């Protein structure tokens, strides 16, 4: 069930039903700025919309508003490009200041033909190192990823619990491309209070066949589902996922990154 901009009445009894997951968009958030109390703004937006948090809700938050609140927005006019950035920018026909900012977020360059694919300091392999102009006010402003997305998620989860009195999980989501399929999809780059992977190895399927390699990236699946309500121009950076069954767990989205010794494409 997908509910967009149709808030639930306050204090309504639990809507949890077996076999049904609900997506609830959270309207009314203003433009986020550095230093804003993001958890309180999310909580107040929920109150204004008549949405009451429930135990084990999963609050999916777009990375961009976390970056804004944490001050991870850079003015290109303040960036001095290095010779390497100028060389790459000339080949890619990009602003050398933008390329320099990408290099500052980069552990290694994976590919530099047509598009700059890098591994960030977090370990994410993505286009432009997560540096992005979209949904950032001002033609000179760009956002970079939070320094520690898992820590950001933990802080939000703790603050929302304090404000609402409910234990909720938090996922920070961002849009990533995929090497073998067209189109972008949301993935989890930060998480708190929820298992990010579901390891089914050793279990049996409905035909009693033993599973040997099945590990589900459930945090990514939740982020992708919430992404259905997070259009680039919709102004909906927060979605509540309700009735997803899980056992609360202190887990990190960083676990989803494939270790180098298991990466067949390095």
C-alpha atoms as a PDB file:
ATOM      1  CA  UNK A   1       0.000   0.000   0.000  1.00  0.00           C
ATOM      2  CA  UNK A   2       1.413   3.394  -0.966  1.00  0.00           C
ATOM      3  CA  UNK A   3       0.044   6.530   0.653  1.00  0.00           C
ATOM      4  CA  UNK A   4       1.242   9.858  -0.677  1.00  0.00           C
ATOM      5  CA  UNK A   5       0.437  13.083   1.137  1.00  0.00           C
ATOM      6  CA  UNK A   6      -2.544  11.400   2.796  1.00  0.00           C
ATOM      7  CA  UNK A   7      -1.654  11.578   6.496  1.00  0.00           C
ATOM      8  CA  UNK A   8      -3.014   9.236   9.083  1.00  0.00           C
ATOM      9  CA  UNK A   9      -5.295  10.692  11.794  1.00  0.00           C
ATOM     10  CA  UNK A  10      -3.411  11.302  15.069  1.00  0.00           C
ATOM     11  CA  UNK A  11      -3.656   8.628  17.749  1.00  0.00           C
ATOM     12  CA  UNK A  12      -5.225   6.206  15.292  1.00  0.00           C
ATOM     13  CA  UNK A  13      -4.855   2.554  16.378  1.00  0.00           C
ATOM     14  CA  UNK A  14      -2.031   0.640  14.759  1.00  0.00           C
ATOM     15  CA  UNK A  15      -2.441   0.036  11.033  1.00  0.00           C
ATOM     16  CA  UNK A  16      -0.188  -3.020  11.081  1.00  0.00           C
ATOM     17  CA  UNK A  17      -1.565  -5.903   9.060  1.00  0.00           C
ATOM     18  CA  UNK A  18       0.126  -9.174   8.194  1.00  0.00           C
ATOM     19  CA  UNK A  19       1.563  -9.254   4.694  1.00  0.00           C
ATOM     20  CA  UNK A  20       1.062  -5.537   4.070  1.00  0.00           C
ATOM     21  CA  UNK A  21       3.713  -2.814   4.109  1.00  0.00           C
ATOM     22  CA  UNK A  22       2.669   0.829   4.079  1.00  0.00           C
ATOM     23  CA  UNK A  23       4.661   3.766   2.688  1.00  0.00           C
ATOM     24  CA  UNK A  24       3.750   7.151   4.166  1.00  0.00           C
ATOM     25  CA  UNK A  25       5.238  10.312   2.693  1.00  0.00           C
ATOM     26  CA  UNK A  26       5.954  13.106   5.140  1.00  0.00           C
ATOM     27  CA  UNK A  27       4.902  16.491   3.736  1.00  0.00           C
ATOM     28  CA  UNK A  28       5.659  19.966   4.999  1.00  0.00           C
ATOM     29  CA  UNK A  29       9.418  19.967   5.529  1.00  0.00           C
ATOM     30  CA  UNK A  30      10.975  23.350   4.690  1.00  0.00           C
ATOM     31  CA  UNK A  31      14.334  23.900   3.000  1.00  0.00           C
ATOM     32  CA  UNK A  32      16.960  22.461   5.351  1.00  0.00           C
ATOM     33  CA  UNK A  33      19.948  24.589   6.299  1.00  0.00           C
ATOM     34  CA  UNK A  34      23.195  24.055   8.185  1.00  0.00           C
ATOM     35  CA  UNK A  35      22.633  23.593  11.904  1.00  0.00           C
ATOM     36  CA  UNK A  36      18.923  22.771  11.659  1.00  0.00           C
ATOM     37  CA  UNK A  37      17.604  20.240  14.174  1.00  0.00           C
ATOM     38  CA  UNK A  38      16.546  17.745  11.525  1.00  0.00           C
ATOM     39  CA  UNK A  39      14.976  15.213  13.912  1.00  0.00           C
ATOM     40  CA  UNK A  40      12.798  17.887  15.503  1.00  0.00           C
ATOM     41  CA  UNK A  41      11.785  19.214  12.079  1.00  0.00           C
ATOM     42  CA  UNK A  42      10.776  15.708  10.976  1.00  0.00           C
ATOM     43  CA  UNK A  43       8.826  15.177  14.189  1.00  0.00           C
ATOM     44  CA  UNK A  44       7.040  18.537  13.902  1.00  0.00           C
ATOM     45  CA  UNK A  45       6.189  17.854  10.254  1.00  0.00           C
ATOM     46  CA  UNK A  46       4.639  14.535  11.293  1.00  0.00           C
ATOM     47  CA  UNK A  47       2.558  16.238  13.997  1.00  0.00           C
ATOM     48  CA  UNK A  48       1.370  18.894  11.549  1.00  0.00           C
ATOM     49  CA  UNK A  49       0.343  16.174   9.088  1.00  0.00           C
ATOM     50  CA  UNK A  50      -1.474  14.161  11.769  1.00  0.00           C
ATOM     51  CA  UNK A  51       1.024  11.309  11.509  1.00  0.00           C
ATOM     52  CA  UNK A  52       1.942   9.510  14.728  1.00  0.00           C
ATOM     53  CA  UNK A  53       5.129   7.430  14.789  1.00  0.00           C
ATOM     54  CA  UNK A  54       4.677   3.778  15.696  1.00  0.00           C
ATOM     55  CA  UNK A  55       7.091   1.319  17.224  1.00  0.00           C
ATOM     56  CA  UNK A  56       9.455  -0.197  14.634  1.00  0.00           C
ATOM     57  CA  UNK A  57       8.569   2.299  11.913  1.00  0.00           C
ATOM     58  CA  UNK A  58      11.468   2.662   9.481  1.00  0.00           C
ATOM     59  CA  UNK A  59      12.111   6.329   8.713  1.00  0.00           C
ATOM     60  CA  UNK A  60      13.842   6.669   5.351  1.00  0.00           C
ATOM     61  CA  UNK A  61      15.580  10.027   4.999  1.00  0.00           C
ATOM     62  CA  UNK A  62      17.112  11.388   1.811  1.00  0.00           C
ATOM     63  CA  UNK A  63      20.845  11.905   2.205  1.00  0.00           C
ATOM     64  CA  UNK A  64      20.634  15.405   0.762  1.00  0.00           C
ATOM     65  CA  UNK A  65      18.776  16.922   3.714  1.00  0.00           C
ATOM     66  CA  UNK A  66      21.189  15.277   6.139  1.00  0.00           C
ATOM     67  CA  UNK A  67      24.111  16.762   4.234  1.00  0.00           C
ATOM     68  CA  UNK A  68      22.460  20.185   4.361  1.00  0.00           C
ATOM     69  CA  UNK A  69      21.797  19.992   8.116  1.00  0.00           C
ATOM     70  CA  UNK A  70      25.358  18.840   8.798  1.00  0.00           C
ATOM     71  CA  UNK A  71      26.877  21.596   6.674  1.00  0.00           C
ATOM     72  CA  UNK A  72      28.119  19.309   3.900  1.00  0.00           C
ATOM     73  CA  UNK A  73      27.375  21.925   1.235  1.00  0.00           C
ATOM     74  CA  UNK A  74      30.262  23.574  -0.598  1.00  0.00           C
ATOM     75  CA  UNK A  75      30.432  26.748  -2.679  1.00  0.00           C
ATOM     76  CA  UNK A  76      32.323  26.024  -5.892  1.00  0.00           C
ATOM     77  CA  UNK A  77      33.738  29.534  -5.774  1.00  0.00           C
ATOM     78  CA  UNK A  78      35.736  28.432  -2.710  1.00  0.00           C
ATOM     79  CA  UNK A  79      37.321  25.441  -4.492  1.00  0.00           C
ATOM     80  CA  UNK A  80      40.739  25.731  -6.128  1.00  0.00           C
ATOM     81  CA  UNK A  81      41.186  22.936  -8.696  1.00  0.00           C
ATOM     82  CA  UNK A  82      44.405  20.941  -8.752  1.00  0.00           C
ATOM     83  CA  UNK A  83      46.310  20.175 -11.986  1.00  0.00           C
ATOM     84  CA  UNK A  84      44.863  16.653 -11.946  1.00  0.00           C
ATOM     85  CA  UNK A  85      41.334  18.044 -11.602  1.00  0.00           C
ATOM     86  CA  UNK A  86      41.924  20.401 -14.511  1.00  0.00           C
ATOM     87  CA  UNK A  87      43.173  17.545 -16.679  1.00  0.00           C
ATOM     88  CA  UNK A  88      40.185  15.320 -15.876  1.00  0.00           C
ATOM     89  CA  UNK A  89      37.771  18.227 -16.304  1.00  0.00           C
ATOM     90  CA  UNK A  90      39.120  18.962 -19.768  1.00  0.00           C
ATOM     91  CA  UNK A  91      38.680  15.324 -20.816  1.00  0.00           C
ATOM     92  CA  UNK A  92      35.176  15.095 -19.328  1.00  0.00           C
ATOM     93  CA  UNK A  93      34.127  18.638 -20.319  1.00  0.00           C
ATOM     94  CA  UNK A  94      33.225  19.449 -16.699  1.00  0.00           C
ATOM     95  CA  UNK A  95      33.829  22.300 -14.310  1.00  0.00           C
ATOM     96  CA  UNK A  96      37.347  21.709 -12.848  1.00  0.00           C
ATOM     97  CA  UNK A  97      36.143  22.937  -9.453  1.00  0.00           C
ATOM     98  CA  UNK A  98      33.423  20.277  -9.457  1.00  0.00           C
ATOM     99  CA  UNK A  99      35.979  17.614 -10.400  1.00  0.00           C
ATOM    100  CA  UNK A 100      38.309  18.806  -7.640  1.00  0.00           C
ATOM    101  CA  UNK A 101      35.515  18.428  -5.102  1.00  0.00           C
ATOM    102  CA  UNK A 102      34.919  14.867  -6.311  1.00  0.00           C
ATOM    103  CA  UNK A 103      38.613  14.057  -5.950  1.00  0.00           C
ATOM    104  CA  UNK A 104      38.546  15.306  -2.367  1.00  0.00           C
ATOM    105  CA  UNK A 105      35.852  12.708  -1.583  1.00  0.00           C
ATOM    106  CA  UNK A 106      37.730   9.948  -3.400  1.00  0.00           C
ATOM    107  CA  UNK A 107      39.827   7.024  -2.260  1.00  0.00           C
ATOM    108  CA  UNK A 108      40.482   5.823  -5.811  1.00  0.00           C
ATOM    109  CA  UNK A 109      39.281   6.460  -9.349  1.00  0.00           C
ATOM    110  CA  UNK A 110      37.509   3.442 -10.834  1.00  0.00           C
ATOM    111  CA  UNK A 111      36.740   4.869 -14.279  1.00  0.00           C
ATOM    112  CA  UNK A 112      37.223   8.251 -15.901  1.00  0.00           C
ATOM    113  CA  UNK A 113      35.915   7.730 -19.449  1.00  0.00           C
ATOM    114  CA  UNK A 114      32.629   9.563 -20.197  1.00  0.00           C
ATOM    115  CA  UNK A 115      31.782   9.720 -16.492  1.00  0.00           C
ATOM    116  CA  UNK A 116      33.858   9.794 -13.307  1.00  0.00           C
ATOM    117  CA  UNK A 117      33.253   6.651 -11.247  1.00  0.00           C
ATOM    118  CA  UNK A 118      35.118   6.644  -7.949  1.00  0.00           C
ATOM    119  CA  UNK A 119      35.348   4.862  -4.629  1.00  0.00           C
ATOM    120  CA  UNK A 120      34.591   7.327  -1.854  1.00  0.00           C
ATOM    121  CA  UNK A 121      36.301   7.443   1.523  1.00  0.00           C
ATOM    122  CA  UNK A 122      33.218   5.605   2.848  1.00  0.00           C
ATOM    123  CA  UNK A 123      33.862   2.731   0.418  1.00  0.00           C
ATOM    124  CA  UNK A 124      30.932   3.499  -1.899  1.00  0.00           C
ATOM    125  CA  UNK A 125      31.573   3.078  -5.624  1.00  0.00           C
ATOM    126  CA  UNK A 126      29.440   5.629  -7.434  1.00  0.00           C
ATOM    127  CA  UNK A 127      29.342   8.364 -10.040  1.00  0.00           C
ATOM    128  CA  UNK A 128      30.937  11.670  -9.004  1.00  0.00           C
ATOM    129  CA  UNK A 129      31.643  10.441  -5.489  1.00  0.00           C
ATOM    130  CA  UNK A 130      28.151  11.425  -4.386  1.00  0.00           C
ATOM    131  CA  UNK A 131      28.841  15.110  -5.158  1.00  0.00           C
ATOM    132  CA  UNK A 132      25.564  16.542  -6.441  1.00  0.00           C
ATOM    133  CA  UNK A 133      24.046  19.851  -7.524  1.00  0.00           C
ATOM    134  CA  UNK A 134      20.402  18.752  -7.577  1.00  0.00           C
ATOM    135  CA  UNK A 135      18.028  20.091  -4.914  1.00  0.00           C
ATOM    136  CA  UNK A 136      20.693  22.449  -3.554  1.00  0.00           C
ATOM    137  CA  UNK A 137      19.688  26.121  -3.765  1.00  0.00           C
ATOM    138  CA  UNK A 138      22.105  28.392  -5.639  1.00  0.00           C
ATOM    139  CA  UNK A 139      23.924  27.767  -8.911  1.00  0.00           C
ATOM    140  CA  UNK A 140      27.297  27.761  -7.097  1.00  0.00           C
ATOM    141  CA  UNK A 141      26.360  25.268  -4.356  1.00  0.00           C
ATOM    142  CA  UNK A 142      26.873  21.496  -4.345  1.00  0.00           C
ATOM    143  CA  UNK A 143      26.330  18.878  -1.657  1.00  0.00           C
ATOM    144  CA  UNK A 144      28.700  16.128  -0.621  1.00  0.00           C
ATOM    145  CA  UNK A 145      27.895  12.985   1.334  1.00  0.00           C
ATOM    146  CA  UNK A 146      27.808  13.077   5.152  1.00  0.00           C
ATOM    147  CA  UNK A 147      31.158  12.170   6.685  1.00  0.00           C
ATOM    148  CA  UNK A 148      29.685   9.186   8.584  1.00  0.00           C
ATOM    149  CA  UNK A 149      26.191   8.270   7.278  1.00  0.00           C
ATOM    150  CA  UNK A 150      25.754   5.464   9.831  1.00  0.00           C
ATOM    151  CA  UNK A 151      26.482   7.860  12.681  1.00  0.00           C
ATOM    152  CA  UNK A 152      24.039  10.364  11.181  1.00  0.00           C
ATOM    153  CA  UNK A 153      21.365   7.650  11.105  1.00  0.00           C
ATOM    154  CA  UNK A 154      22.064   6.678  14.728  1.00  0.00           C
ATOM    155  CA  UNK A 155      21.777  10.283  15.862  1.00  0.00           C
ATOM    156  CA  UNK A 156      18.463  10.725  14.049  1.00  0.00           C
ATOM    157  CA  UNK A 157      17.056   7.466  15.449  1.00  0.00           C
ATOM    158  CA  UNK A 158      18.009   8.422  19.008  1.00  0.00           C
ATOM    159  CA  UNK A 159      16.549  11.920  18.677  1.00  0.00           C
ATOM    160  CA  UNK A 160      13.296  10.682  17.118  1.00  0.00           C
ATOM    161  CA  UNK A 161      12.891   8.148  19.938  1.00  0.00           C
ATOM    162  CA  UNK A 162      13.355  10.906  22.493  1.00  0.00           C
ATOM    163  CA  UNK A 163      10.811  13.150  20.759  1.00  0.00           C
ATOM    164  CA  UNK A 164       8.179  10.538  19.913  1.00  0.00           C
ATOM    165  CA  UNK A 165       8.631   7.993  22.678  1.00  0.00           C
ATOM    166  CA  UNK A 166       8.778   5.279  19.988  1.00  0.00           C
ATOM    167  CA  UNK A 167      11.719   3.145  18.939  1.00  0.00           C
ATOM    168  CA  UNK A 168      12.159   3.636  15.201  1.00  0.00           C
ATOM    169  CA  UNK A 169      14.836   2.639  12.716  1.00  0.00           C
ATOM    170  CA  UNK A 170      16.417   5.128  10.339  1.00  0.00           C
ATOM    171  CA  UNK A 171      17.825   4.608   6.852  1.00  0.00           C
ATOM    172  CA  UNK A 172      19.712   7.292   4.938  1.00  0.00           C
ATOM    173  CA  UNK A 173      19.113   6.823   1.231  1.00  0.00           C
ATOM    174  CA  UNK A 174      20.811   8.052  -1.909  1.00  0.00           C
ATOM    175  CA  UNK A 175      20.341   7.340  -5.605  1.00  0.00           C
ATOM    176  CA  UNK A 176      22.999   5.142  -7.213  1.00  0.00           C
ATOM    177  CA  UNK A 177      23.430   3.863 -10.743  1.00  0.00           C
ATOM    178  CA  UNK A 178      24.070   0.211 -11.533  1.00  0.00           C
ATOM    179  CA  UNK A 179      26.743  -1.189 -13.866  1.00  0.00           C
ATOM    180  CA  UNK A 180      24.559  -3.728 -15.685  1.00  0.00           C
ATOM    181  CA  UNK A 181      21.140  -2.050 -15.693  1.00  0.00           C
ATOM    182  CA  UNK A 182      19.856   1.346 -16.782  1.00  0.00           C
ATOM    183  CA  UNK A 183      18.330   3.828 -14.366  1.00  0.00           C
ATOM    184  CA  UNK A 184      18.956   4.983 -10.837  1.00  0.00           C
ATOM    185  CA  UNK A 185      17.604   3.373  -7.694  1.00  0.00           C
ATOM    186  CA  UNK A 186      17.733   4.335  -4.032  1.00  0.00           C
ATOM    187  CA  UNK A 187      20.121   2.482  -1.761  1.00  0.00           C
ATOM    188  CA  UNK A 188      20.937   2.676   1.945  1.00  0.00           C
ATOM    189  CA  UNK A 189      24.151   4.558   2.715  1.00  0.00           C
ATOM    190  CA  UNK A 190      23.428   4.844   6.435  1.00  0.00           C
ATOM    191  CA  UNK A 191      21.336   2.808   8.863  1.00  0.00           C
ATOM    192  CA  UNK A 192      20.437   2.501  12.525  1.00  0.00           C
ATOM    193  CA  UNK A 193      18.257   0.092  14.461  1.00  0.00           C
ATOM    194  CA  UNK A 194      17.591  -2.385  11.656  1.00  0.00           C
ATOM    195  CA  UNK A 195      19.421  -5.359  10.090  1.00  0.00           C
ATOM    196  CA  UNK A 196      20.813  -4.207   6.745  1.00  0.00           C
ATOM    197  CA  UNK A 197      21.401  -7.736   5.426  1.00  0.00           C
ATOM    198  CA  UNK A 198      19.319 -10.887   5.787  1.00  0.00           C
ATOM    199  CA  UNK A 199      21.486 -13.978   5.496  1.00  0.00           C
ATOM    200  CA  UNK A 200      19.463 -16.967   4.312  1.00  0.00           C
ATOM    201  CA  UNK A 201      22.408 -19.279   3.707  1.00  0.00           C
ATOM    202  CA  UNK A 202      21.812 -22.684   5.227  1.00  0.00           C
ATOM    203  CA  UNK A 203      18.035 -22.282   5.205  1.00  0.00           C
ATOM    204  CA  UNK A 204      15.766 -24.149   2.817  1.00  0.00           C
ATOM    205  CA  UNK A 205      13.386 -22.829   0.174  1.00  0.00           C
ATOM    206  CA  UNK A 206       9.778 -24.002  -0.155  1.00  0.00           C
ATOM    207  CA  UNK A 207      11.005 -27.037  -2.127  1.00  0.00           C
ATOM    208  CA  UNK A 208      13.392 -27.961   0.699  1.00  0.00           C
ATOM    209  CA  UNK A 209      16.467 -27.037  -1.341  1.00  0.00           C
ATOM    210  CA  UNK A 210      19.260 -25.618   0.787  1.00  0.00           C
ATOM    211  CA  UNK A 211      20.278 -22.032   0.053  1.00  0.00           C
ATOM    212  CA  UNK A 212      24.012 -21.494  -0.392  1.00  0.00           C
ATOM    213  CA  UNK A 213      24.518 -17.890  -1.534  1.00  0.00           C
ATOM    214  CA  UNK A 214      21.345 -15.925  -0.729  1.00  0.00           C
ATOM    215  CA  UNK A 215      21.978 -12.767   1.273  1.00  0.00           C
ATOM    216  CA  UNK A 216      19.274 -10.136   0.877  1.00  0.00           C
ATOM    217  CA  UNK A 217      20.181  -6.436   1.033  1.00  0.00           C
ATOM    218  CA  UNK A 218      16.987  -5.559   2.893  1.00  0.00           C
ATOM    219  CA  UNK A 219      18.052  -2.007   3.778  1.00  0.00           C
ATOM    220  CA  UNK A 220      18.542  -1.301   0.074  1.00  0.00           C
ATOM    221  CA  UNK A 221      15.147  -2.828  -0.689  1.00  0.00           C
ATOM    222  CA  UNK A 222      13.475  -0.585   1.893  1.00  0.00           C
ATOM    223  CA  UNK A 223      15.297   2.477   0.535  1.00  0.00           C
ATOM    224  CA  UNK A 224      14.181   1.588  -2.987  1.00  0.00           C
ATOM    225  CA  UNK A 225      10.562   1.171  -1.902  1.00  0.00           C
ATOM    226  CA  UNK A 226      10.613   4.561  -0.165  1.00  0.00           C
ATOM    227  CA  UNK A 227      12.174   6.034  -3.294  1.00  0.00           C
ATOM    228  CA  UNK A 228       8.843   5.574  -5.085  1.00  0.00           C
ATOM    229  CA  UNK A 229       7.622   8.578  -3.077  1.00  0.00           C
ATOM    230  CA  UNK A 230      10.874  10.559  -3.207  1.00  0.00           C
ATOM    231  CA  UNK A 231      10.733  12.153  -6.630  1.00  0.00           C
ATOM    232  CA  UNK A 232      13.518  14.606  -7.456  1.00  0.00           C
ATOM    233  CA  UNK A 233      11.001  17.436  -7.788  1.00  0.00           C
ATOM    234  CA  UNK A 234       8.392  16.242  -5.263  1.00  0.00           C
ATOM    235  CA  UNK A 235       9.934  17.820  -2.178  1.00  0.00           C
ATOM    236  CA  UNK A 236       9.426  14.618  -0.188  1.00  0.00           C
ATOM    237  CA  UNK A 237      12.736  13.720   1.462  1.00  0.00           C
ATOM    238  CA  UNK A 238      11.269  11.604   4.271  1.00  0.00           C
ATOM    239  CA  UNK A 239       9.116   8.472   3.984  1.00  0.00           C
ATOM    240  CA  UNK A 240       7.898   6.255   6.822  1.00  0.00           C
ATOM    241  CA  UNK A 241       7.864   2.530   6.057  1.00  0.00           C
ATOM    242  CA  UNK A 242       5.341   0.835   8.315  1.00  0.00           C
ATOM    243  CA  UNK A 243       4.594  -2.819   9.025  1.00  0.00           C
ATOM    244  CA  UNK A 244       7.943  -4.153   7.818  1.00  0.00           C
ATOM    245  CA  UNK A 245       8.729  -6.987  10.224  1.00  0.00           C
ATOM    246  CA  UNK A 246      12.249  -7.015  11.678  1.00  0.00           C
ATOM    247  CA  UNK A 247      14.114  -7.482  14.917  1.00  0.00           C
ATOM    248  CA  UNK A 248      15.779  -4.209  15.972  1.00  0.00           C
ATOM    249  CA  UNK A 249      19.526  -4.455  15.675  1.00  0.00           C
ATOM    250  CA  UNK A 250      22.504  -2.134  15.832  1.00  0.00           C
ATOM    251  CA  UNK A 251      23.737  -2.559  12.278  1.00  0.00           C
ATOM    252  CA  UNK A 252      25.586  -0.358   9.805  1.00  0.00           C
ATOM    253  CA  UNK A 253      24.876   0.225   6.147  1.00  0.00           C
ATOM    254  CA  UNK A 254      28.632   0.076   5.628  1.00  0.00           C
ATOM    255  CA  UNK A 255      28.243  -3.727   5.956  1.00  0.00           C
ATOM    256  CA  UNK A 256      26.527  -3.775   2.573  1.00  0.00           C
ATOM    257  CA  UNK A 257      29.701  -2.638   0.808  1.00  0.00           C
ATOM    258  CA  UNK A 258      31.341  -5.720  -0.671  1.00  0.00           C
ATOM    259  CA  UNK A 259      34.794  -6.331   0.848  1.00  0.00           C
ATOM    260  CA  UNK A 260      37.705  -5.833  -1.596  1.00  0.00           C
ATOM    261  CA  UNK A 261      38.730  -9.519  -1.449  1.00  0.00           C
ATOM    262  CA  UNK A 262      35.213 -10.504  -2.595  1.00  0.00           C
ATOM    263  CA  UNK A 263      34.984  -7.893  -5.361  1.00  0.00           C
ATOM    264  CA  UNK A 264      35.481  -9.629  -8.719  1.00  0.00           C
ATOM    265  CA  UNK A 265      35.682  -6.361 -10.658  1.00  0.00           C
ATOM    266  CA  UNK A 266      38.527  -4.508  -8.944  1.00  0.00           C
END
